[in-house]
Amino acid sequence: MKLARIQKDLSQEQLAEVVGVTRQTIGLIEAGNYNPTLKLCIAICKALDRSLNDIFWED
C-alpha cells in the first residue's frame, strides 16, 4: 500500500483525508498493525487506482 501511495504522490495525511480516516490509521495499516474494514480497503483501492489484490493480497 505504501508503494502505491507514493507512486500516486500522496502523503499519508492526504490519503487519509480522501478515504475519511486519520493519518495514524493509514500509518498503522502500512505497518501491518491495523486490519481495515472491507469498506476502508475498497476506498483506499479506489483512491490509489489499484485493485484489492494489488494492495492487500500477500504472496
PDB file of N, CA and C in Angstrom:
ATOM      1  N   MET A   1       0.823  -1.177   0.000  1.00  0.00           N
ATOM      2  CA  MET A   1       0.000   0.000   0.000  1.00  0.00           C
ATOM      3  C   MET A   1       0.876   1.253   0.000  1.00  0.00           C
ATOM      4  N   LYS A   2       1.941   1.230   0.781  1.00  0.00           N
ATOM      5  CA  LYS A   2       2.812   2.400   0.851  1.00  0.00           C
ATOM      6  C   LYS A   2       3.392   2.731  -0.518  1.00  0.00           C
ATOM      7  N   LEU A   3       3.849   1.723  -1.239  1.00  0.00           N
ATOM      8  CA  LEU A   3       4.423   1.952  -2.562  1.00  0.00           C
ATOM      9  C   LEU A   3       3.386   2.562  -3.511  1.00  0.00           C
ATOM     10  N   ALA A   4       2.172   2.026  -3.498  1.00  0.00           N
ATOM     11  CA  ALA A   4       1.109   2.560  -4.353  1.00  0.00           C
ATOM     12  C   ALA A   4       0.787   4.004  -3.981  1.00  0.00           C
ATOM     13  N   ARG A   5       0.795   4.302  -2.689  1.00  0.00           N
ATOM     14  CA  ARG A   5       0.527   5.678  -2.235  1.00  0.00           C
ATOM     15  C   ARG A   5       1.626   6.622  -2.710  1.00  0.00           C
ATOM     16  N   ILE A   6       2.863   6.188  -2.596  1.00  0.00           N
ATOM     17  CA  ILE A   6       3.992   7.019  -3.027  1.00  0.00           C
ATOM     18  C   ILE A   6       3.956   7.223  -4.543  1.00  0.00           C
ATOM     19  N   GLN A   7       3.641   6.173  -5.285  1.00  0.00           N
ATOM     20  CA  GLN A   7       3.551   6.288  -6.742  1.00  0.00           C
ATOM     21  C   GLN A   7       2.452   7.257  -7.152  1.00  0.00           C
ATOM     22  N   LYS A   8       1.420   7.362  -6.348  1.00  0.00           N
ATOM     23  CA  LYS A   8       0.315   8.289  -6.616  1.00  0.00           C
ATOM     24  C   LYS A   8       0.637   9.691  -6.098  1.00  0.00           C
ATOM     25  N   ASP A   9       1.835   9.847  -5.481  1.00  0.00           N
ATOM     26  CA  ASP A   9       2.308  11.123  -4.947  1.00  0.00           C
ATOM     27  C   ASP A   9       1.382  11.678  -3.868  1.00  0.00           C
ATOM     28  N   LEU A  10       0.982  10.792  -2.944  1.00  0.00           N
ATOM     29  CA  LEU A  10       0.129  11.191  -1.829  1.00  0.00           C
ATOM     30  C   LEU A  10       0.858  10.954  -0.515  1.00  0.00           C
ATOM     31  N   SER A  11       0.688  11.874   0.413  1.00  0.00           N
ATOM     32  CA  SER A  11       1.201  11.658   1.764  1.00  0.00           C
ATOM     33  C   SER A  11       0.187  10.798   2.519  1.00  0.00           C
ATOM     34  N   GLN A  12       0.589  10.288   3.664  1.00  0.00           N
ATOM     35  CA  GLN A  12      -0.361   9.534   4.494  1.00  0.00           C
ATOM     36  C   GLN A  12      -1.553  10.419   4.841  1.00  0.00           C
ATOM     37  N   GLU A  13      -1.291  11.660   5.159  1.00  0.00           N
ATOM     38  CA  GLU A  13      -2.355  12.581   5.533  1.00  0.00           C
ATOM     39  C   GLU A  13      -3.322  12.838   4.374  1.00  0.00           C
ATOM     40  N   GLN A  14      -2.781  13.002   3.170  1.00  0.00           N
ATOM     41  CA  GLN A  14      -3.637  13.233   2.003  1.00  0.00           C
ATOM     42  C   GLN A  14      -4.519  12.015   1.721  1.00  0.00           C
ATOM     43  N   LEU A  15      -3.941  10.818   1.773  1.00  0.00           N
ATOM     44  CA  LEU A  15      -4.729   9.607   1.547  1.00  0.00           C
ATOM     45  C   LEU A  15      -5.791   9.458   2.627  1.00  0.00           C
ATOM     46  N   ALA A  16      -5.416   9.731   3.860  1.00  0.00           N
ATOM     47  CA  ALA A  16      -6.360   9.642   4.974  1.00  0.00           C
ATOM     48  C   ALA A  16      -7.552  10.566   4.758  1.00  0.00           C
ATOM     49  N   GLU A  17      -7.276  11.770   4.294  1.00  0.00           N
ATOM     50  CA  GLU A  17      -8.343  12.746   4.051  1.00  0.00           C
ATOM     51  C   GLU A  17      -9.289  12.253   2.958  1.00  0.00           C
ATOM     52  N   VAL A  18      -8.726  11.680   1.901  1.00  0.00           N
ATOM     53  CA  VAL A  18      -9.541  11.192   0.780  1.00  0.00           C
ATOM     54  C   VAL A  18     -10.476  10.058   1.230  1.00  0.00           C
ATOM     55  N   VAL A  19      -9.963   9.156   2.083  1.00  0.00           N
ATOM     56  CA  VAL A  19     -10.765   7.987   2.471  1.00  0.00           C
ATOM     57  C   VAL A  19     -11.514   8.177   3.788  1.00  0.00           C
ATOM     58  N   GLY A  20     -11.309   9.305   4.458  1.00  0.00           N
ATOM     59  CA  GLY A  20     -12.087   9.616   5.655  1.00  0.00           C
ATOM     60  C   GLY A  20     -11.609   8.972   6.940  1.00  0.00           C
ATOM     61  N   VAL A  21     -10.286   8.825   7.085  1.00  0.00           N
ATOM     62  CA  VAL A  21      -9.721   8.309   8.334  1.00  0.00           C
ATOM     63  C   VAL A  21      -8.592   9.241   8.777  1.00  0.00           C
ATOM     64  N   THR A  22      -7.935   8.892   9.880  1.00  0.00           N
ATOM     65  CA  THR A  22      -6.816   9.714  10.347  1.00  0.00           C
ATOM     66  C   THR A  22      -5.516   9.258   9.690  1.00  0.00           C
ATOM     67  N   ARG A  23      -4.520  10.129   9.735  1.00  0.00           N
ATOM     68  CA  ARG A  23      -3.203   9.777   9.216  1.00  0.00           C
ATOM     69  C   ARG A  23      -2.638   8.595   9.993  1.00  0.00           C
ATOM     70  N   GLN A  24      -2.923   8.557  11.283  1.00  0.00           N
ATOM     71  CA  GLN A  24      -2.431   7.471  12.118  1.00  0.00           C
ATOM     72  C   GLN A  24      -2.974   6.124  11.645  1.00  0.00           C
ATOM     73  N   THR A  25      -4.227   6.091  11.220  1.00  0.00           N
ATOM     74  CA  THR A  25      -4.824   4.856  10.721  1.00  0.00           C
ATOM     75  C   THR A  25      -4.085   4.370   9.480  1.00  0.00           C
ATOM     76  N   ILE A  26      -3.780   5.280   8.564  1.00  0.00           N
ATOM     77  CA  ILE A  26      -3.032   4.902   7.356  1.00  0.00           C
ATOM     78  C   ILE A  26      -1.660   4.361   7.748  1.00  0.00           C
ATOM     79  N   GLY A  27      -1.000   5.020   8.689  1.00  0.00           N
ATOM     80  CA  GLY A  27       0.311   4.567   9.152  1.00  0.00           C
ATOM     81  C   GLY A  27       0.249   3.169   9.752  1.00  0.00           C
ATOM     82  N   LEU A  28      -0.772   2.901  10.540  1.00  0.00           N
ATOM     83  CA  LEU A  28      -0.932   1.584  11.152  1.00  0.00           C
ATOM     84  C   LEU A  28      -1.198   0.505  10.107  1.00  0.00           C
ATOM     85  N   ILE A  29      -2.015   0.829   9.105  1.00  0.00           N
ATOM     86  CA  ILE A  29      -2.295  -0.139   8.028  1.00  0.00           C
ATOM     87  C   ILE A  29      -0.992  -0.449   7.288  1.00  0.00           C
ATOM     88  N   GLU A  30      -0.237   0.578   6.945  1.00  0.00           N
ATOM     89  CA  GLU A  30       1.021   0.372   6.219  1.00  0.00           C
ATOM     90  C   GLU A  30       2.019  -0.441   7.034  1.00  0.00           C
ATOM     91  N   ALA A  31       1.999  -0.280   8.342  1.00  0.00           N
ATOM     92  CA  ALA A  31       2.918  -1.008   9.216  1.00  0.00           C
ATOM     93  C   ALA A  31       2.438  -2.431   9.515  1.00  0.00           C
ATOM     94  N   GLY A  32       1.203  -2.726   9.094  1.00  0.00           N
ATOM     95  CA  GLY A  32       0.655  -4.052   9.355  1.00  0.00           C
ATOM     96  C   GLY A  32       0.094  -4.214  10.756  1.00  0.00           C
ATOM     97  N   ASN A  33      -0.179  -3.096  11.413  1.00  0.00           N
ATOM     98  CA  ASN A  33      -0.676  -3.130  12.789  1.00  0.00           C
ATOM     99  C   ASN A  33      -2.160  -2.821  12.921  1.00  0.00           C
ATOM    100  N   TYR A  34      -2.865  -2.748  11.807  1.00  0.00           N
ATOM    101  CA  TYR A  34      -4.297  -2.447  11.826  1.00  0.00           C
ATOM    102  C   TYR A  34      -4.946  -3.193  10.681  1.00  0.00           C
ATOM    103  N   ASN A  35      -6.044  -3.864  10.971  1.00  0.00           N
ATOM    104  CA  ASN A  35      -6.777  -4.624   9.969  1.00  0.00           C
ATOM    105  C   ASN A  35      -7.993  -3.805   9.540  1.00  0.00           C
ATOM    106  N   PRO A  36      -7.914  -3.142   8.375  1.00  0.00           N
ATOM    107  CA  PRO A  36      -9.006  -2.259   7.959  1.00  0.00           C
ATOM    108  C   PRO A  36     -10.256  -3.038   7.548  1.00  0.00           C
ATOM    109  N   THR A  37     -11.388  -2.373   7.650  1.00  0.00           N
ATOM    110  CA  THR A  37     -12.642  -2.966   7.191  1.00  0.00           C
ATOM    111  C   THR A  37     -12.612  -3.097   5.671  1.00  0.00           C
ATOM    112  N   LEU A  38     -13.475  -3.930   5.145  1.00  0.00           N
ATOM    113  CA  LEU A  38     -13.568  -4.082   3.690  1.00  0.00           C
ATOM    114  C   LEU A  38     -13.943  -2.753   3.043  1.00  0.00           C
ATOM    115  N   LYS A  39     -14.831  -2.011   3.683  1.00  0.00           N
ATOM    116  CA  LYS A  39     -15.243  -0.708   3.156  1.00  0.00           C
ATOM    117  C   LYS A  39     -14.038   0.231   3.035  1.00  0.00           C
ATOM    118  N   LEU A  40     -13.185   0.237   4.057  1.00  0.00           N
ATOM    119  CA  LEU A  40     -11.995   1.088   4.022  1.00  0.00           C
ATOM    120  C   LEU A  40     -11.006   0.585   2.979  1.00  0.00           C
ATOM    121  N   CYS A  41     -10.846  -0.738   2.874  1.00  0.00           N
ATOM    122  CA  CYS A  41      -9.956  -1.302   1.849  1.00  0.00           C
ATOM    123  C   CYS A  41     -10.384  -0.859   0.453  1.00  0.00           C
ATOM    124  N   ILE A  42     -11.670  -0.927   0.184  1.00  0.00           N
ATOM    125  CA  ILE A  42     -12.192  -0.538  -1.128  1.00  0.00           C
ATOM    126  C   ILE A  42     -11.957   0.955  -1.376  1.00  0.00           C
ATOM    127  N   ALA A  43     -12.173   1.774  -0.360  1.00  0.00           N
ATOM    128  CA  ALA A  43     -11.950   3.221  -0.502  1.00  0.00           C
ATOM    129  C   ALA A  43     -10.480   3.519  -0.794  1.00  0.00           C
ATOM    130  N   ILE A  44      -9.591   2.818  -0.117  1.00  0.00           N
ATOM    131  CA  ILE A  44      -8.154   3.010  -0.358  1.00  0.00           C
ATOM    132  C   ILE A  44      -7.801   2.596  -1.785  1.00  0.00           C
ATOM    133  N   CYS A  45      -8.321   1.466  -2.221  1.00  0.00           N
ATOM    134  CA  CYS A  45      -8.037   0.993  -3.581  1.00  0.00           C
ATOM    135  C   CYS A  45      -8.540   1.974  -4.631  1.00  0.00           C
ATOM    136  N   LYS A  46      -9.726   2.508  -4.434  1.00  0.00           N
ATOM    137  CA  LYS A  46     -10.258   3.491  -5.380  1.00  0.00           C
ATOM    138  C   LYS A  46      -9.386   4.745  -5.403  1.00  0.00           C
ATOM    139  N   ALA A  47      -8.949   5.191  -4.235  1.00  0.00           N
ATOM    140  CA  ALA A  47      -8.114   6.396  -4.151  1.00  0.00           C
ATOM    141  C   ALA A  47      -6.759   6.190  -4.825  1.00  0.00           C
ATOM    142  N   LEU A  48      -6.263   4.953  -4.786  1.00  0.00           N
ATOM    143  CA  LEU A  48      -4.944   4.670  -5.360  1.00  0.00           C
ATOM    144  C   LEU A  48      -5.022   4.074  -6.761  1.00  0.00           C
ATOM    145  N   ASP A  49      -6.240   3.929  -7.295  1.00  0.00           N
ATOM    146  CA  ASP A  49      -6.446   3.340  -8.629  1.00  0.00           C
ATOM    147  C   ASP A  49      -5.816   1.956  -8.746  1.00  0.00           C
ATOM    148  N   ARG A  50      -6.021   1.137  -7.735  1.00  0.00           N
ATOM    149  CA  ARG A  50      -5.500  -0.232  -7.707  1.00  0.00           C
ATOM    150  C   ARG A  50      -6.619  -1.182  -7.288  1.00  0.00           C
ATOM    151  N   SER A  51      -6.400  -2.477  -7.537  1.00  0.00           N
ATOM    152  CA  SER A  51      -7.378  -3.479  -7.121  1.00  0.00           C
ATOM    153  C   SER A  51      -7.091  -3.933  -5.694  1.00  0.00           C
ATOM    154  N   LEU A  52      -8.062  -4.603  -5.090  1.00  0.00           N
ATOM    155  CA  LEU A  52      -7.847  -5.169  -3.757  1.00  0.00           C
ATOM    156  C   LEU A  52      -6.649  -6.114  -3.760  1.00  0.00           C
ATOM    157  N   ASN A  53      -6.534  -6.933  -4.811  1.00  0.00           N
ATOM    158  CA  ASN A  53      -5.404  -7.857  -4.904  1.00  0.00           C
ATOM    159  C   ASN A  53      -4.078  -7.109  -4.960  1.00  0.00           C
ATOM    160  N   ASP A  54      -4.036  -6.025  -5.717  1.00  0.00           N
ATOM    161  CA  ASP A  54      -2.798  -5.249  -5.840  1.00  0.00           C
ATOM    162  C   ASP A  54      -2.321  -4.725  -4.481  1.00  0.00           C
ATOM    163  N   ILE A  55      -3.249  -4.254  -3.677  1.00  0.00           N
ATOM    164  CA  ILE A  55      -2.893  -3.580  -2.433  1.00  0.00           C
ATOM    165  C   ILE A  55      -2.814  -4.526  -1.239  1.00  0.00           C
ATOM    166  N   PHE A  56      -3.776  -5.433  -1.120  1.00  0.00           N
ATOM    167  CA  PHE A  56      -3.910  -6.166   0.127  1.00  0.00           C
ATOM    168  C   PHE A  56      -3.598  -7.657   0.058  1.00  0.00           C
ATOM    169  N   TRP A  57      -3.411  -8.215  -1.124  1.00  0.00           N
ATOM    170  CA  TRP A  57      -3.133  -9.649  -1.219  1.00  0.00           C
ATOM    171  C   TRP A  57      -1.647  -9.908  -0.995  1.00  0.00           C
ATOM    172  N   GLU A  58      -1.339 -10.777  -0.048  1.00  0.00           N
ATOM    173  CA  GLU A  58       0.065 -11.116   0.218  1.00  0.00           C
ATOM    174  C   GLU A  58       0.434 -12.362  -0.551  1.00  0.00           C
ATOM    175  N   ASP A  59       1.582 -12.343  -1.207  1.00  0.00           N
ATOM    176  CA  ASP A  59       2.046 -13.504  -1.952  1.00  0.00           C
ATOM    177  C   ASP A  59       2.573 -14.584  -1.020  1.00  0.00           C
TER     178      ASP A  59
END
